[in-house]
Amino acid sequence: MSIRNLAIQIAYDGADFHGWQIQPSQTTIQGLLQSILSRLEGTNVTIQGSGRTDAGVHALAQVASFKLTNPIPIANLPKAINDLLPESIRVITAQEVPADFHARHSATAKTYEYRIHRGQTCSPFKSRYAYALACPLDETSMATATRHFVGTHDFRALTAAGGEEHQSTVRTIYSSEIHRNSDLLTYRVRGNGFLYHMVRNIVGTLIEVGRGNLTPDDLPKLLADKDRGAAGPTAPPQGLFLISVEYENLHIQTVHG
């Protein structure tokens, strides 16, 4: 049987899972998908995701790759997997990809959103998907501050212990914007890669700007000093969504939600 290299796009509500990455004695997205694919294949299958979303973090368009000899038609693969998944995880699309494609190593850009609920009372139907924050915030200053993250910087001040050791902390951010729509304040950031807790630490820092504890002009020095203690706290996970992953010469549908 020929071996096919396949890529799937996955959406999930991460609230009830211990993140993407397989962990002993914990329910994870990768663990569930890998178990199901191994059942379909009749032998162990290893699945690689584009990124390791943390416990409680959501995805509209995570991408994962794996190899199968099972001849199931591509058009039938999403349903075959979804029939065995909980409703909080869904395979949206599947496609065959070149043999050297790897969901993480081949990615050229990713986009994340962080959603902050700004009303006095956050509905229980929204609280799983946004950080409820009713305190006063200077949103104009926050919007000004987002621009300081654009470009190539060392983001050591905005990462956390527990990521991959010895990796470079330099990343390039292509866009960084914050917008208000009714009671939802949304931060969207696109870059060539992100460090452990980087987006949540950026959001925590922007909130400190909004509270007046930092100014937008403090951010260049904060980045230059590489001092995690000078940045804001890590924002909680439920507001964070992986929105899209981009690849050169490969079309992956962008999902909005």
Protein backbone atom coordinates (compact mmCIF):
# COMPACT_ATOMS: atom_id res chain seq x y z
CA MET A 1 0.00 0.00 0.00
CA SER A 2 1.21 3.49 -0.76
CA ILE A 3 1.77 5.94 2.06
CA ARG A 4 -0.08 9.26 1.81
CA ASN A 5 0.94 12.40 3.68
CA LEU A 6 -2.27 14.12 4.78
CA ALA A 7 -3.18 17.44 6.35
CA ILE A 8 -6.38 18.17 8.24
CA GLN A 9 -7.81 21.41 9.52
CA ILE A 10 -9.38 21.18 12.97
CA ALA A 11 -11.64 23.44 15.01
CA TYR A 12 -12.03 22.86 18.74
CA ASP A 13 -13.40 24.25 21.94
CA GLY A 14 -10.39 23.85 24.21
CA ALA A 15 -12.17 24.56 27.49
CA ASP A 16 -12.40 20.93 28.59
CA PHE A 17 -9.01 19.76 27.32
CA HIS A 18 -5.46 19.93 28.63
CA GLY A 19 -4.22 21.60 25.47
CA TRP A 20 -3.08 20.17 22.15
CA GLN A 21 -0.01 18.17 23.11
CA ILE A 22 -0.23 14.61 24.40
CA GLN A 23 0.26 14.42 28.17
CA PRO A 24 0.22 11.35 30.41
CA SER A 25 -3.19 10.71 32.03
CA GLN A 26 -4.68 13.88 30.49
CA THR A 27 -7.24 14.33 27.72
CA THR A 28 -5.69 16.34 24.88
CA ILE A 29 -6.64 17.17 21.29
CA GLN A 30 -3.56 15.49 19.82
CA GLY A 31 -4.07 12.42 21.99
CA LEU A 32 -7.68 11.92 20.87
CA LEU A 33 -6.89 12.45 17.18
CA GLN A 34 -3.87 10.17 17.31
CA SER A 35 -5.89 7.40 18.98
CA ILE A 36 -8.65 7.63 16.36
CA LEU A 37 -6.23 7.69 13.42
CA SER A 38 -4.40 4.69 14.85
CA ARG A 39 -7.73 2.81 14.98
CA LEU A 40 -8.44 3.70 11.35
CA GLU A 41 -4.94 2.66 10.28
CA GLY A 42 -4.72 -0.48 12.41
CA THR A 43 -1.31 0.59 13.73
CA ASN A 44 0.20 3.55 15.56
CA VAL A 45 -0.08 6.89 13.75
CA THR A 46 1.82 10.00 14.82
CA ILE A 47 0.08 13.33 14.21
CA GLN A 48 1.89 16.69 14.27
CA GLY A 49 0.11 19.97 14.91
CA SER A 50 1.06 23.42 13.67
CA GLY A 51 1.31 24.62 17.27
CA ARG A 52 0.80 23.48 20.85
CA THR A 53 -2.20 25.40 22.11
CA ASP A 54 -2.41 25.47 25.91
CA ALA A 55 -5.12 24.06 28.15
CA GLY A 56 -8.32 26.07 27.66
CA VAL A 57 -7.20 27.68 24.38
CA HIS A 58 -9.43 27.30 21.32
CA ALA A 59 -8.80 26.88 17.59
CA LEU A 60 -10.83 27.78 14.55
CA ALA A 61 -8.22 26.41 12.15
CA GLN A 62 -5.51 24.28 13.71
CA VAL A 63 -3.61 22.26 11.08
CA ALA A 64 -2.17 18.80 11.65
CA SER A 65 -0.31 16.36 9.41
CA PHE A 66 0.16 12.58 9.50
CA LYS A 67 0.82 9.61 7.23
CA LEU A 68 -1.71 6.90 6.36
CA THR A 69 -1.73 3.76 4.22
CA ASN A 70 -5.49 3.36 4.74
CA PRO A 71 -7.05 3.97 1.28
CA ILE A 72 -10.08 5.86 2.63
CA PRO A 73 -11.01 8.62 0.15
CA ILE A 74 -10.01 12.11 1.24
CA ALA A 75 -13.61 13.29 0.94
CA ASN A 76 -14.69 10.68 3.52
CA LEU A 77 -11.88 11.21 6.01
CA PRO A 78 -13.34 14.16 7.99
CA LYS A 79 -16.59 12.29 8.66
CA ALA A 80 -14.75 9.09 9.58
CA ILE A 81 -12.73 10.96 12.19
CA ASN A 82 -15.59 13.19 13.40
CA ASP A 83 -17.82 10.18 14.04
CA LEU A 84 -15.35 9.11 16.73
CA LEU A 85 -14.62 12.54 18.22
CA PRO A 86 -16.50 14.47 20.90
CA GLU A 87 -18.63 17.30 19.49
CA SER A 88 -16.18 19.89 20.83
CA ILE A 89 -13.60 18.83 18.21
CA ARG A 90 -14.29 18.80 14.49
CA VAL A 91 -12.17 18.07 11.43
CA ILE A 92 -13.19 20.73 8.89
CA THR A 93 -11.14 19.77 5.83
CA ALA A 94 -8.64 17.13 4.71
CA GLN A 95 -6.21 17.08 1.81
CA GLU A 96 -3.21 15.16 0.52
CA VAL A 97 0.03 17.14 0.76
CA PRO A 98 3.61 16.71 -0.49
CA ALA A 99 5.71 14.05 1.24
CA ASP A 100 7.92 16.65 2.94
CA PHE A 101 5.05 18.71 4.35
CA HIS A 102 5.02 19.07 8.14
CA ALA A 103 2.22 20.99 9.87
CA ARG A 104 4.59 22.88 12.18
CA HIS A 105 7.89 23.10 10.30
CA SER A 106 6.28 24.08 6.99
CA ALA A 107 4.15 26.87 8.45
CA THR A 108 5.09 30.37 7.30
CA ALA A 109 2.66 32.43 9.41
CA LYS A 110 -0.01 32.09 12.09
CA THR A 111 -2.77 34.38 13.26
CA TYR A 112 -4.20 34.47 16.77
CA GLU A 113 -7.06 36.40 18.30
CA TYR A 114 -7.60 37.25 21.93
CA ARG A 115 -11.11 38.29 22.97
CA ILE A 116 -11.91 40.43 26.01
CA HIS A 117 -15.51 40.90 27.13
CA ARG A 118 -16.00 44.51 28.27
CA GLY A 119 -19.56 44.49 29.60
CA GLN A 120 -20.38 44.66 33.28
CA THR A 121 -21.81 41.14 33.18
CA CYS A 122 -20.51 38.39 30.92
CA SER A 123 -23.10 35.83 29.87
CA PRO A 124 -22.26 32.23 30.82
CA PHE A 125 -22.59 31.44 27.12
CA LYS A 126 -19.69 33.82 26.36
CA SER A 127 -17.45 33.28 29.39
CA ARG A 128 -15.85 30.12 27.95
CA TYR A 129 -14.67 32.13 24.94
CA ALA A 130 -13.58 35.52 26.29
CA TYR A 131 -11.81 37.08 29.25
CA ALA A 132 -14.44 38.98 31.24
CA LEU A 133 -12.83 42.27 32.25
CA ALA A 134 -15.13 45.10 33.34
CA CYS A 135 -12.53 47.46 34.86
CA PRO A 136 -11.82 50.80 33.09
CA LEU A 137 -9.28 50.56 30.26
CA ASP A 138 -7.75 53.22 28.04
CA GLU A 139 -8.39 51.40 24.78
CA THR A 140 -6.83 54.17 22.69
CA SER A 141 -3.50 53.71 24.50
CA MET A 142 -3.81 49.95 24.07
CA ALA A 143 -4.31 50.39 20.32
CA THR A 144 -1.23 52.64 20.15
CA ALA A 145 0.80 50.08 22.12
CA THR A 146 -0.01 47.22 19.72
CA ARG A 147 2.11 48.88 17.02
CA HIS A 148 5.31 48.41 19.03
CA PHE A 149 5.14 44.64 18.55
CA VAL A 150 5.23 44.85 14.75
CA GLY A 151 8.58 43.93 13.21
CA THR A 152 11.39 41.57 14.19
CA HIS A 153 12.11 41.63 17.92
CA ASP A 154 13.50 39.47 20.69
CA PHE A 155 10.36 38.54 22.63
CA ARG A 156 12.13 37.03 25.64
CA ALA A 157 10.25 39.44 27.93
CA LEU A 158 6.96 38.02 26.65
CA THR A 159 7.56 34.30 26.87
CA ALA A 160 7.31 31.90 29.79
CA ALA A 161 9.31 29.03 31.21
CA GLY A 162 8.18 25.69 29.86
CA GLY A 163 8.64 26.30 26.13
CA GLU A 164 11.23 24.54 24.01
CA GLU A 165 14.64 24.99 25.58
CA HIS A 166 17.46 26.75 23.76
CA GLN A 167 15.23 28.03 20.95
CA SER A 168 15.66 31.55 19.65
CA THR A 169 13.26 34.06 21.16
CA VAL A 170 13.36 36.29 18.06
CA ARG A 171 10.12 36.42 16.11
CA THR A 172 8.67 38.61 13.36
CA ILE A 173 5.21 40.10 13.82
CA TYR A 174 3.52 41.17 10.58
CA SER A 175 0.44 42.81 12.07
CA SER A 176 -0.82 43.68 15.54
CA GLU A 177 -4.17 45.41 16.04
CA ILE A 178 -6.94 45.79 18.58
CA HIS A 179 -10.57 46.54 17.73
CA ARG A 180 -13.77 47.15 19.67
CA ASN A 181 -17.09 45.71 18.45
CA SER A 182 -19.95 46.25 20.88
CA ASP A 183 -18.88 44.67 24.18
CA LEU A 184 -16.01 42.67 22.65
CA LEU A 185 -12.45 43.99 22.52
CA THR A 186 -10.42 41.81 20.16
CA TYR A 187 -6.65 41.73 19.73
CA ARG A 188 -5.44 40.10 16.51
CA VAL A 189 -1.79 39.31 15.80
CA ARG A 190 -0.13 37.65 12.80
CA GLY A 191 3.49 36.52 12.83
CA ASN A 192 5.97 33.95 11.59
CA GLY A 193 5.81 32.09 14.90
CA PHE A 194 4.97 32.50 18.57
CA LEU A 195 6.71 31.54 21.80
CA TYR A 196 5.16 29.76 24.77
CA HIS A 197 2.44 32.03 26.27
CA MET A 198 3.64 34.87 24.01
CA VAL A 199 0.21 36.06 22.83
CA ARG A 200 -1.30 35.82 26.30
CA ASN A 201 1.65 37.77 27.73
CA ILE A 202 1.29 40.44 25.05
CA VAL A 203 -2.39 40.76 25.99
CA GLY A 204 -1.54 40.95 29.68
CA THR A 205 0.91 43.73 28.89
CA LEU A 206 -1.64 45.60 26.78
CA ILE A 207 -4.09 45.40 29.67
CA GLU A 208 -1.45 46.98 31.93
CA VAL A 209 -1.20 49.79 29.38
CA GLY A 210 -4.98 50.13 29.44
CA ARG A 211 -4.93 50.35 33.23
CA GLY A 212 -2.27 53.05 33.15
CA ASN A 213 0.46 50.95 34.79
CA LEU A 214 2.50 51.07 31.58
CA THR A 215 2.54 53.50 28.67
CA PRO A 216 2.91 52.65 24.98
CA ASP A 217 6.33 54.30 25.05
CA ASP A 218 7.48 51.81 27.71
CA LEU A 219 7.22 48.87 25.33
CA PRO A 220 10.38 49.34 23.22
CA LYS A 221 12.49 49.38 26.39
CA LEU A 222 10.57 46.43 27.81
CA LEU A 223 11.41 44.39 24.71
CA ALA A 224 15.03 45.58 24.67
CA ASP A 225 15.59 44.73 28.34
CA LYS A 226 14.19 41.18 27.86
CA ASP A 227 12.81 41.32 31.41
CA ARG A 228 9.71 39.16 31.89
CA GLY A 229 9.07 40.83 35.25
CA ALA A 230 8.55 44.21 33.58
CA ALA A 231 5.75 42.93 31.35
CA GLY A 232 2.14 42.26 32.28
CA PRO A 233 0.79 39.01 33.71
CA THR A 234 -0.30 36.13 31.49
CA ALA A 235 -3.89 36.64 30.35
CA PRO A 236 -6.19 33.65 31.00
CA PRO A 237 -6.50 31.02 28.26
CA GLN A 238 -10.21 31.12 27.41
CA GLY A 239 -9.94 34.32 25.36
CA LEU A 240 -7.32 32.93 22.96
CA PHE A 241 -8.09 31.46 19.53
CA LEU A 242 -5.77 30.11 16.83
CA ILE A 243 -7.41 31.65 13.76
CA SER A 244 -5.31 30.51 10.82
CA VAL A 245 -2.07 28.87 9.74
CA GLU A 246 -0.41 29.73 6.42
CA TYR A 247 1.83 27.66 4.15
CA GLU A 248 3.78 28.45 1.01
CA ASN A 249 2.26 26.93 -2.13
CA LEU A 250 -0.51 25.25 -0.14
CA HIS A 251 -4.02 26.59 0.28
CA ILE A 252 -5.51 26.08 3.72
CA GLN A 253 -9.00 27.52 4.08
CA THR A 254 -9.30 30.38 6.58
CA VAL A 255 -12.18 29.86 9.00
CA HIS A 256 -13.91 32.73 10.79
CA GLY A 257 -16.00 32.42 13.93
